[in-house]
């Protein structure tokens, strides 16, 4: 079986994008390819057809492979609920909430599950491309590791290490990783890649030779800054600060950056609209007075982020926004916040208790231990078709006027009597061009009505074309054990 693991010198060095691009490279060559990430940490997740959840990056990589996402592609997903704790999802299902220290003590017990999922993908494909997490040079986390070298050695998968030159000190990062890894881990690394280079590539020829001389690893290529990556869904909240600039469009839409914001990639389609000026509003800033629509996004901790909203003064800003004639939309946790109260008697998302909601919708929510995970399709109130997914704990009652009707006949969400406040549990409402055009029309804005899936697919092809020219694809295939 052919497999290759892409690890990095740190987080956000571009591993997810490079794996997606390589998946598309080999899929374009006619191979059955599958993505795999043993352990991911993100509050941006995707729902699989069988009602599980995996990291958003692995769902994107499945698209790059032109195959449906499955829970085996990301068998362990950590969804942070606090600074020291996270919900643990194993093979798509909630397995409890663990403190960080407790997880470090028990993660090794998940290795057999991780390897089993990997073997399942091997049987289904010609090639599995594996993404690591963080950096293998974080040797303080090596004991019981399942995300990097612990997995690579258990499954006997060769590793290629990625360095991010845009951050600087890329020589030190790669050579330093070589220096701190123990000999057995170091032996798993067969080569390196440089990512995010700007300018004339020949200017770094000496640097690449220096890395080879000091590590003995093969130089497998250097990718330029991939502009098309901005059109792909992001997984890490670290990108929000650098993706918040609007483009001076006619309609202004803003999203406050909650402390546990989740699934924020669903706003990518709005950012691409020529008639929309979109911005994330960071903590410490007021919601702008000239916004046409404020969207309260999903969150991994609704009651905690209700406190966060009030601490920022955004609850006051929202009421002022509505008095000026603006509109408010809540999605998932944001929808729950808009109601009269949110109760969590069993401590599903944190400490047990009840919080007063924002009172902008006449509904109430009770958190439950059962998580709803499913893809959904249906129509908006005006008839436009949408596709999306539900991913939430909690049951909301008291709805007088629903926002959405599913194809099953079920309804979801709520709309205020004056129509200016609405909310629903469905993520991905803006992805389908028809639905986005209808929602923007309510604000007086035209839409290009392009499906977000089309934009993403074109971006993946652009990235694959660049990687074909930038990386030594035959050498990568040989390392993986794949015959071209």
Protein backbone atom coordinates (compact mmCIF):
# COMPACT_ATOMS: atom_id res chain seq x y z
CA UNK A 1 0.00 0.00 0.00
CA UNK A 2 1.26 3.50 -0.85
CA UNK A 3 1.27 6.27 1.75
CA UNK A 4 3.15 9.46 2.53
CA UNK A 5 2.96 11.72 5.58
CA UNK A 6 3.35 15.50 5.41
CA UNK A 7 4.54 16.93 8.72
CA UNK A 8 5.53 20.52 9.45
CA UNK A 9 7.96 22.61 11.46
CA UNK A 10 4.99 24.16 13.25
CA UNK A 11 1.29 24.98 13.04
CA UNK A 12 0.00 27.04 10.09
CA UNK A 13 2.98 26.25 7.84
CA UNK A 14 0.54 25.21 5.11
CA UNK A 15 0.33 21.44 5.66
CA UNK A 16 -3.43 21.27 5.05
CA UNK A 17 -3.23 23.18 1.77
CA UNK A 18 -0.25 21.20 0.52
CA UNK A 19 -1.95 17.89 1.33
CA UNK A 20 -5.10 19.08 -0.46
CA UNK A 21 -3.02 20.17 -3.45
CA UNK A 22 -1.12 16.88 -3.58
CA UNK A 23 -4.38 14.95 -3.27
CA UNK A 24 -5.65 16.78 -6.37
CA UNK A 25 -2.32 16.24 -8.18
CA UNK A 26 -2.52 12.48 -7.82
CA UNK A 27 -6.29 12.36 -8.36
CA UNK A 28 -5.76 14.24 -11.63
CA UNK A 29 -3.28 11.51 -12.61
CA UNK A 30 -6.04 8.92 -12.21
CA UNK A 31 -5.22 7.47 -8.79
CA UNK A 32 -7.74 6.72 -6.04
CA UNK A 33 -6.42 8.97 -3.27
CA UNK A 34 -7.59 9.39 0.34
CA UNK A 35 -6.59 12.03 2.92
CA UNK A 36 -5.89 11.17 6.53
CA UNK A 37 -5.12 13.10 9.69
CA UNK A 38 -4.73 10.99 12.84
CA UNK A 39 -5.56 13.80 15.26
CA UNK A 40 -6.87 17.26 14.52
CA UNK A 41 -7.73 20.20 16.76
CA UNK A 42 -10.27 22.63 15.38
CA UNK A 43 -13.72 24.04 15.97
CA UNK A 44 -14.24 24.14 12.21
CA UNK A 45 -15.69 20.75 11.39
CA UNK A 46 -17.64 19.07 8.62
CA UNK A 47 -20.44 16.52 8.72
CA UNK A 48 -20.02 13.22 6.88
CA UNK A 49 -22.84 11.49 5.05
CA UNK A 50 -23.16 8.89 7.81
CA UNK A 51 -23.73 11.54 10.48
CA UNK A 52 -20.21 11.87 11.90
CA UNK A 53 -17.91 14.88 12.07
CA UNK A 54 -14.31 15.42 11.01
CA UNK A 55 -11.98 18.38 10.71
CA UNK A 56 -12.82 20.85 7.96
CA UNK A 57 -9.39 20.38 6.37
CA UNK A 58 -9.95 16.66 5.85
CA UNK A 59 -13.36 17.34 4.26
CA UNK A 60 -11.62 19.77 1.88
CA UNK A 61 -8.91 17.19 1.15
CA UNK A 62 -11.63 14.63 0.35
CA UNK A 63 -13.04 17.10 -2.17
CA UNK A 64 -9.54 17.38 -3.63
CA UNK A 65 -9.53 13.58 -3.99
CA UNK A 66 -12.99 13.74 -5.59
CA UNK A 67 -14.40 11.41 -2.97
CA UNK A 68 -16.90 11.73 -0.13
CA UNK A 69 -15.53 12.50 3.36
CA UNK A 70 -15.69 9.72 5.95
CA UNK A 71 -14.98 9.57 9.67
CA UNK A 72 -11.91 7.40 9.03
CA UNK A 73 -10.18 10.38 7.42
CA UNK A 74 -9.88 12.08 10.83
CA UNK A 75 -10.50 9.53 13.58
CA UNK A 76 -9.63 11.86 16.48
CA UNK A 77 -10.90 15.45 16.54
CA UNK A 78 -10.38 17.80 19.48
CA UNK A 79 -12.80 20.74 19.69
CA UNK A 80 -11.62 23.32 22.27
CA UNK A 81 -14.28 24.39 24.76
CA UNK A 82 -11.97 26.33 27.09
CA UNK A 83 -8.31 27.27 27.38
CA UNK A 84 -7.54 23.96 29.10
CA UNK A 85 -10.18 21.54 27.85
CA UNK A 86 -11.78 20.17 24.69
CA UNK A 87 -14.57 17.95 23.48
CA UNK A 88 -13.07 14.73 22.12
CA UNK A 89 -14.62 13.24 18.98
CA UNK A 90 -13.60 9.69 18.05
CA UNK A 91 -14.58 8.35 14.65
CA UNK A 92 -17.10 11.11 14.25
CA UNK A 93 -18.85 10.76 17.61
CA UNK A 94 -18.54 12.62 20.89
CA UNK A 95 -16.43 10.63 23.33
CA UNK A 96 -16.51 13.12 26.20
CA UNK A 97 -14.77 16.30 27.31
CA UNK A 98 -11.19 16.00 28.54
CA UNK A 99 -8.87 18.46 30.20
CA UNK A 100 -5.64 19.02 28.28
CA UNK A 101 -3.52 17.22 30.87
CA UNK A 102 -5.93 14.28 31.00
CA UNK A 103 -5.86 13.96 27.23
CA UNK A 104 -2.06 13.94 27.16
CA UNK A 105 -2.14 11.07 29.64
CA UNK A 106 -4.66 9.02 27.64
CA UNK A 107 -4.08 9.82 23.97
CA UNK A 108 -1.87 6.76 23.44
CA UNK A 109 -4.92 4.56 24.07
CA UNK A 110 -6.41 5.96 20.85
CA UNK A 111 -3.51 4.82 18.65
CA UNK A 112 -5.08 1.44 17.72
CA UNK A 113 -8.25 3.26 16.58
CA UNK A 114 -6.16 5.69 14.55
CA UNK A 115 -4.17 2.93 12.84
CA UNK A 116 -7.34 0.93 12.14
CA UNK A 117 -8.90 3.93 10.37
CA UNK A 118 -5.72 4.40 8.35
CA UNK A 119 -5.72 0.75 7.28
CA UNK A 120 -9.35 1.11 6.17
CA UNK A 121 -8.38 3.98 3.87
CA UNK A 122 -5.39 2.01 2.56
CA UNK A 123 -7.72 -0.78 1.45
CA UNK A 124 -9.93 1.73 -0.37
CA UNK A 125 -7.23 3.55 -2.33
CA UNK A 126 -4.03 3.58 -4.33
CA UNK A 127 -2.48 6.28 -2.14
CA UNK A 128 -3.12 7.78 1.31
CA UNK A 129 -1.65 11.21 2.00
CA UNK A 130 -1.37 11.84 5.73
CA UNK A 131 -1.23 15.24 7.44
CA UNK A 132 0.56 15.68 10.74
CA UNK A 133 -0.37 18.14 13.48
CA UNK A 134 1.81 20.90 14.87
CA UNK A 135 5.44 19.80 14.71
CA UNK A 136 7.32 16.58 15.49
CA UNK A 137 10.04 18.80 17.00
CA UNK A 138 7.71 19.49 19.95
CA UNK A 139 9.51 16.70 21.78
CA UNK A 140 7.79 17.58 25.05
CA UNK A 141 4.63 16.07 23.49
CA UNK A 142 6.33 12.99 22.04
CA UNK A 143 5.31 10.52 24.77
CA UNK A 144 2.13 8.78 23.63
CA UNK A 145 2.04 10.78 20.40
CA UNK A 146 -0.56 9.75 17.83
CA UNK A 147 -0.41 12.80 15.56
CA UNK A 148 3.12 12.82 14.15
CA UNK A 149 5.99 10.37 14.66
CA UNK A 150 3.99 8.14 16.99
CA UNK A 151 1.63 7.43 14.12
CA UNK A 152 4.31 7.39 11.40
CA UNK A 153 6.28 4.71 13.19
CA UNK A 154 3.23 2.67 14.20
CA UNK A 155 1.95 2.59 10.60
CA UNK A 156 5.42 2.66 8.98
CA UNK A 157 4.66 5.70 6.81
CA UNK A 158 7.56 7.77 5.37
CA UNK A 159 7.56 11.45 6.29
CA UNK A 160 8.28 14.67 4.40
CA UNK A 161 8.85 17.76 6.57
CA UNK A 162 7.54 21.19 5.50
CA UNK A 163 9.18 24.50 6.39
CA UNK A 164 7.42 27.87 6.03
CA UNK A 165 9.88 30.38 4.56
CA UNK A 166 7.43 33.27 4.89
CA UNK A 167 7.96 33.17 8.65
CA UNK A 168 11.71 33.44 8.29
CA UNK A 169 14.31 31.17 9.96
CA UNK A 170 13.25 28.24 7.78
CA UNK A 171 16.80 26.82 7.71
CA UNK A 172 16.91 26.86 11.51
CA UNK A 173 13.44 25.31 11.70
CA UNK A 174 14.32 22.34 9.51
CA UNK A 175 17.87 21.84 10.77
CA UNK A 176 16.68 22.35 14.34
CA UNK A 177 14.02 19.66 13.92
CA UNK A 178 16.73 17.31 12.68
CA UNK A 179 18.83 18.11 15.75
CA UNK A 180 16.17 17.52 18.41
CA UNK A 181 14.46 14.42 17.01
CA UNK A 182 15.60 11.08 18.38
CA UNK A 183 17.36 8.85 15.82
CA UNK A 184 14.37 6.56 15.22
CA UNK A 185 12.02 9.49 14.55
CA UNK A 186 14.63 11.29 12.45
CA UNK A 187 15.00 8.20 10.27
CA UNK A 188 11.32 8.41 9.27
CA UNK A 189 11.93 11.74 7.50
CA UNK A 190 12.98 11.18 3.90
CA UNK A 191 12.94 14.73 2.56
CA UNK A 192 11.75 18.30 2.98
CA UNK A 193 9.60 20.86 1.20
CA UNK A 194 9.74 24.64 1.40
CA UNK A 195 6.41 26.49 1.37
CA UNK A 196 5.23 30.08 0.79
CA UNK A 197 8.26 31.46 -1.06
CA UNK A 198 7.91 34.95 -2.60
CA UNK A 199 10.21 36.24 -5.30
CA UNK A 200 12.93 34.64 -7.41
CA UNK A 201 13.35 30.97 -6.31
CA UNK A 202 17.01 30.97 -7.33
CA UNK A 203 17.73 33.34 -4.43
CA UNK A 204 17.20 30.45 -2.01
CA UNK A 205 19.24 27.81 -3.83
CA UNK A 206 22.11 28.16 -1.36
CA UNK A 207 19.69 27.87 1.55
CA UNK A 208 18.22 24.64 0.21
CA UNK A 209 21.70 23.19 -0.30
CA UNK A 210 22.59 24.13 3.28
CA UNK A 211 19.55 22.23 4.59
CA UNK A 212 20.52 19.14 2.58
CA UNK A 213 24.11 19.31 3.83
CA UNK A 214 23.08 19.61 7.49
CA UNK A 215 20.26 17.04 7.49
CA UNK A 216 20.94 14.57 4.69
CA UNK A 217 17.27 14.88 3.70
CA UNK A 218 16.27 15.08 0.05
CA UNK A 219 15.21 18.47 -1.32
CA UNK A 220 11.79 17.72 -2.84
CA UNK A 221 10.89 21.22 -3.98
CA UNK A 222 9.72 24.68 -3.03
CA UNK A 223 6.22 26.08 -3.49
CA UNK A 224 5.57 29.78 -4.09
CA UNK A 225 3.00 31.74 -2.14
CA UNK A 226 -0.28 30.13 -3.23
CA UNK A 227 -2.76 32.95 -3.74
CA UNK A 228 -5.51 30.46 -4.57
CA UNK A 229 -5.30 29.11 -1.01
CA UNK A 230 -7.25 32.17 0.12
CA UNK A 231 -10.25 30.76 -1.71
CA UNK A 232 -10.18 27.54 0.29
CA UNK A 233 -12.03 27.11 3.60
CA UNK A 234 -9.77 27.87 6.56
CA UNK A 235 -9.61 25.61 9.58
CA UNK A 236 -7.60 27.58 12.13
CA UNK A 237 -8.92 30.76 13.77
CA UNK A 238 -5.41 32.22 13.49
CA UNK A 239 -6.29 33.27 9.92
CA UNK A 240 -9.18 35.49 10.94
CA UNK A 241 -7.06 38.51 11.73
CA UNK A 242 -5.50 38.49 8.27
CA UNK A 243 -8.72 37.77 6.41
CA UNK A 244 -10.94 40.50 7.79
CA UNK A 245 -10.52 43.31 5.28
CA UNK A 246 -13.61 44.27 3.28
CA UNK A 247 -13.60 45.48 -0.30
CA UNK A 248 -15.82 48.54 -0.12
CA UNK A 249 -18.98 46.88 -1.41
CA UNK A 250 -22.47 48.37 -1.21
CA UNK A 251 -23.82 46.11 1.57
CA UNK A 252 -21.86 45.75 4.80
CA UNK A 253 -21.97 42.44 6.70
CA UNK A 254 -20.02 41.89 9.92
CA UNK A 255 -19.38 38.91 12.19
CA UNK A 256 -18.14 39.39 15.77
CA UNK A 257 -15.22 37.10 16.56
CA UNK A 258 -16.51 35.09 19.51
CA UNK A 259 -13.93 33.55 21.82
CA UNK A 260 -14.96 30.00 20.78
CA UNK A 261 -16.04 30.81 17.22
CA UNK A 262 -16.78 27.71 15.15
CA UNK A 263 -17.27 26.91 11.47
CA UNK A 264 -16.39 30.44 10.38
CA UNK A 265 -15.43 29.18 6.91
CA UNK A 266 -19.13 29.27 6.03
CA UNK A 267 -18.73 33.02 5.44
CA UNK A 268 -16.17 32.57 2.65
CA UNK A 269 -18.89 32.80 0.01
CA UNK A 270 -19.99 36.20 1.34
CA UNK A 271 -16.43 37.52 1.25
CA UNK A 272 -16.20 36.62 -2.42
CA UNK A 273 -19.32 38.60 -3.34
CA UNK A 274 -18.49 41.81 -5.28
CA UNK A 275 -21.49 43.61 -3.77
CA UNK A 276 -20.57 42.83 -0.16
CA UNK A 277 -18.13 44.45 2.21
CA UNK A 278 -17.46 41.73 4.78
CA UNK A 279 -15.49 41.97 8.02
CA UNK A 280 -14.85 40.01 11.18
CA UNK A 281 -15.02 42.34 14.19
CA UNK A 282 -12.25 41.51 16.68
CA UNK A 283 -12.64 41.66 20.47
CA UNK A 284 -12.17 45.17 21.80
CA UNK A 285 -13.91 46.78 18.83
CA UNK A 286 -17.51 47.96 18.65
CA UNK A 287 -19.86 46.57 16.05
CA UNK A 288 -19.87 49.20 13.25
CA UNK A 289 -22.87 51.49 13.24
CA UNK A 290 -23.28 51.36 9.46
CA UNK A 291 -23.56 47.56 9.14
CA UNK A 292 -26.56 46.24 7.24
CA UNK A 293 -26.37 42.74 8.73
CA UNK A 294 -24.71 41.39 11.87
CA UNK A 295 -24.25 37.61 11.93
CA UNK A 296 -23.73 35.92 15.28
CA UNK A 297 -21.70 32.84 14.32
CA UNK A 298 -21.50 29.36 15.72
CA UNK A 299 -19.58 28.75 18.92
CA UNK A 300 -18.27 25.75 20.81
CA UNK A 301 -19.46 27.22 24.13
CA UNK A 302 -22.73 29.16 23.86
CA UNK A 303 -23.13 30.30 27.46
CA UNK A 304 -19.45 31.23 27.80
CA UNK A 305 -19.65 33.28 24.62
CA UNK A 306 -22.87 34.93 25.79
CA UNK A 307 -20.79 36.30 28.66
CA UNK A 308 -18.11 37.25 26.13
CA UNK A 309 -20.64 39.15 23.98
CA UNK A 310 -21.75 41.16 27.00
CA UNK A 311 -18.18 41.79 28.14
CA UNK A 312 -17.42 43.31 24.73
CA UNK A 313 -20.57 45.47 24.85
CA UNK A 314 -21.80 43.79 21.66
CA UNK A 315 -25.24 43.17 23.20
CA UNK A 316 -25.69 46.94 23.44
CA UNK A 317 -24.35 47.38 19.91
CA UNK A 318 -26.83 44.83 18.58
CA UNK A 319 -29.80 46.67 20.07
CA UNK A 320 -28.56 49.97 18.66
CA UNK A 321 -28.07 48.29 15.30
CA UNK A 322 -31.68 47.08 15.30
CA UNK A 323 -32.99 50.53 16.31
CA UNK A 324 -31.24 51.91 13.20
CA UNK A 325 -33.09 49.40 11.05
CA UNK A 326 -30.36 46.78 10.73
CA UNK A 327 -30.78 43.03 10.61
CA UNK A 328 -29.38 40.23 12.76
CA UNK A 329 -28.86 36.57 11.86
CA UNK A 330 -27.77 33.91 14.33
CA UNK A 331 -26.30 30.59 13.23
CA UNK A 332 -26.22 27.56 15.54
CA UNK A 333 -24.78 28.84 18.84
CA UNK A 334 -25.48 32.39 17.66
CA UNK A 335 -29.12 31.39 17.15
CA UNK A 336 -29.26 29.99 20.68
CA UNK A 337 -27.88 33.27 22.07
CA UNK A 338 -30.64 35.29 20.38
CA UNK A 339 -33.33 33.57 22.46
CA UNK A 340 -34.63 34.34 25.95
CA UNK A 341 -32.42 31.87 27.76
CA UNK A 342 -29.94 29.01 27.35
CA UNK A 343 -30.00 26.24 29.96
CA UNK A 344 -27.30 23.60 30.38
CA UNK A 345 -28.47 21.59 33.40
CA UNK A 346 -26.06 18.69 32.81
CA UNK A 347 -22.96 20.73 31.99
CA UNK A 348 -22.73 19.55 28.38
CA UNK A 349 -20.69 22.58 27.28
CA UNK A 350 -19.20 23.65 30.58
CA UNK A 351 -20.36 24.32 34.12
CA UNK A 352 -24.06 23.47 34.65
CA UNK A 353 -26.38 26.46 34.82
CA UNK A 354 -28.69 28.79 32.96
CA UNK A 355 -27.87 32.03 31.15
CA UNK A 356 -30.16 34.84 30.11
CA UNK A 357 -30.13 35.14 26.34
CA UNK A 358 -30.14 38.33 24.31
CA UNK A 359 -33.93 38.23 24.09
CA UNK A 360 -34.14 39.12 20.40
CA UNK A 361 -36.05 35.95 19.48
CA UNK A 362 -38.93 34.45 21.46
CA UNK A 363 -37.30 31.00 21.85
CA UNK A 364 -35.48 29.04 24.57
CA UNK A 365 -32.73 26.42 24.36
CA UNK A 366 -31.84 23.48 26.60
CA UNK A 367 -28.49 21.76 26.03
CA UNK A 368 -28.69 17.99 25.72
CA UNK A 369 -26.02 15.32 25.64
CA UNK A 370 -27.10 14.07 22.22
CA UNK A 371 -25.40 15.83 19.31
CA UNK A 372 -27.24 16.45 16.04
CA UNK A 373 -24.98 15.77 13.05
CA UNK A 374 -26.53 15.58 9.60
CA UNK A 375 -26.46 17.10 6.13
CA UNK A 376 -29.70 18.89 5.24
CA UNK A 377 -31.36 20.36 2.16
CA UNK A 378 -34.46 22.46 1.76
CA UNK A 379 -35.86 25.88 0.98
CA UNK A 380 -35.74 29.33 2.48
CA UNK A 381 -38.96 31.12 3.32
CA UNK A 382 -38.98 32.68 -0.16
CA UNK A 383 -38.45 29.36 -1.93
CA UNK A 384 -34.72 29.43 -2.74
CA UNK A 385 -33.00 26.08 -2.31
CA UNK A 386 -30.17 25.62 0.19
CA UNK A 387 -27.77 22.86 1.18
CA UNK A 388 -26.02 22.72 4.53
CA UNK A 389 -25.50 20.72 7.66
CA UNK A 390 -26.47 20.66 11.33
CA UNK A 391 -23.84 20.23 14.03
CA UNK A 392 -25.09 21.13 17.49
CA UNK A 393 -26.12 20.10 20.95
CA UNK A 394 -29.29 21.63 22.31
CA UNK A 395 -32.99 21.74 21.56
CA UNK A 396 -34.69 25.07 20.86
CA UNK A 397 -38.42 25.52 21.47
CA UNK A 398 -41.04 28.26 21.24
CA UNK A 399 -40.73 28.87 17.49
CA UNK A 400 -43.76 30.66 16.03
CA UNK A 401 -42.34 31.45 12.57
CA UNK A 402 -39.61 29.11 11.28
CA UNK A 403 -36.85 30.31 8.98
CA UNK A 404 -36.24 27.15 6.92
CA UNK A 405 -38.15 24.14 5.63
CA UNK A 406 -36.21 20.91 5.03
CA UNK A 407 -37.03 18.54 2.19
CA UNK A 408 -38.18 16.09 4.88
CA UNK A 409 -40.93 18.53 5.86
CA UNK A 410 -39.23 19.50 9.13
CA UNK A 411 -38.67 23.17 9.90
CA UNK A 412 -35.74 24.93 11.53
CA UNK A 413 -34.92 28.29 12.99
CA UNK A 414 -37.04 31.27 13.91
CA UNK A 415 -37.86 34.75 12.57
CA UNK A 416 -38.98 37.71 14.66
CA UNK A 417 -42.37 39.32 14.09
CA UNK A 418 -40.84 42.26 12.20
CA UNK A 419 -38.59 39.97 10.13
CA UNK A 420 -35.34 41.72 11.07
CA UNK A 421 -34.00 39.08 13.49
CA UNK A 422 -33.65 35.46 12.47
CA UNK A 423 -31.67 32.39 13.41
CA UNK A 424 -31.25 28.74 12.52
CA UNK A 425 -29.10 25.68 13.23
CA UNK A 426 -28.01 25.16 9.62
CA UNK A 427 -24.40 25.86 8.69
CA UNK A 428 -23.45 26.51 5.07
CA UNK A 429 -26.51 28.59 4.13
CA UNK A 430 -24.43 30.89 1.93
CA UNK A 431 -22.61 28.20 -0.05
CA UNK A 432 -25.27 27.55 -2.65
CA UNK A 433 -25.51 30.49 -5.03
CA UNK A 434 -29.32 30.42 -5.22
CA UNK A 435 -29.76 30.68 -1.46
CA UNK A 436 -27.05 33.33 -1.06
CA UNK A 437 -28.63 35.46 -3.79
CA UNK A 438 -32.00 35.31 -2.04
CA UNK A 439 -30.53 36.23 1.35
CA UNK A 440 -28.56 39.15 -0.12
CA UNK A 441 -31.60 40.36 -2.05
CA UNK A 442 -33.29 41.01 1.30
CA UNK A 443 -30.48 43.48 1.98
CA UNK A 444 -30.78 45.09 -1.44
CA UNK A 445 -27.62 43.49 -2.82
CA UNK A 446 -27.11 41.58 -6.06
CA UNK A 447 -25.16 38.32 -6.04
CA UNK A 448 -22.94 36.53 -8.53
CA UNK A 449 -24.86 33.37 -7.48
CA UNK A 450 -21.77 31.18 -7.93
CA UNK A 451 -21.81 28.02 -5.84
CA UNK A 452 -18.97 28.02 -3.31
CA UNK A 453 -18.14 24.43 -4.26
CA UNK A 454 -17.31 25.64 -7.77
CA UNK A 455 -14.93 28.29 -6.43
CA UNK A 456 -13.20 25.75 -4.18
CA UNK A 457 -12.79 23.19 -6.95
CA UNK A 458 -11.21 25.74 -9.29
CA UNK A 459 -8.81 26.83 -6.52
CA UNK A 460 -7.76 23.22 -5.92
CA UNK A 461 -6.97 22.77 -9.61
CA UNK A 462 -4.91 25.98 -9.61
CA UNK A 463 -2.92 24.83 -6.58
CA UNK A 464 -2.36 21.38 -8.06
CA UNK A 465 -1.03 22.92 -11.28
CA UNK A 466 1.49 24.98 -9.29
CA UNK A 467 2.63 22.02 -7.18
CA UNK A 468 3.14 19.91 -10.33
CA UNK A 469 5.74 22.50 -11.39
CA UNK A 470 7.21 23.24 -7.96
CA UNK A 471 7.61 19.82 -6.35
CA UNK A 472 9.40 16.68 -7.48
CA UNK A 473 6.20 14.67 -7.90
CA UNK A 474 7.94 11.50 -9.19
CA UNK A 475 10.24 11.53 -6.15
CA UNK A 476 7.28 11.99 -3.78
CA UNK A 477 5.52 9.09 -5.47
CA UNK A 478 8.58 6.86 -5.09
CA UNK A 479 8.83 7.71 -1.39
CA UNK A 480 5.18 6.77 -0.98
CA UNK A 481 5.68 3.48 -2.81
CA UNK A 482 3.51 4.53 -5.74
CA UNK A 483 4.42 3.67 -9.32
CA UNK A 484 3.61 6.50 -11.75
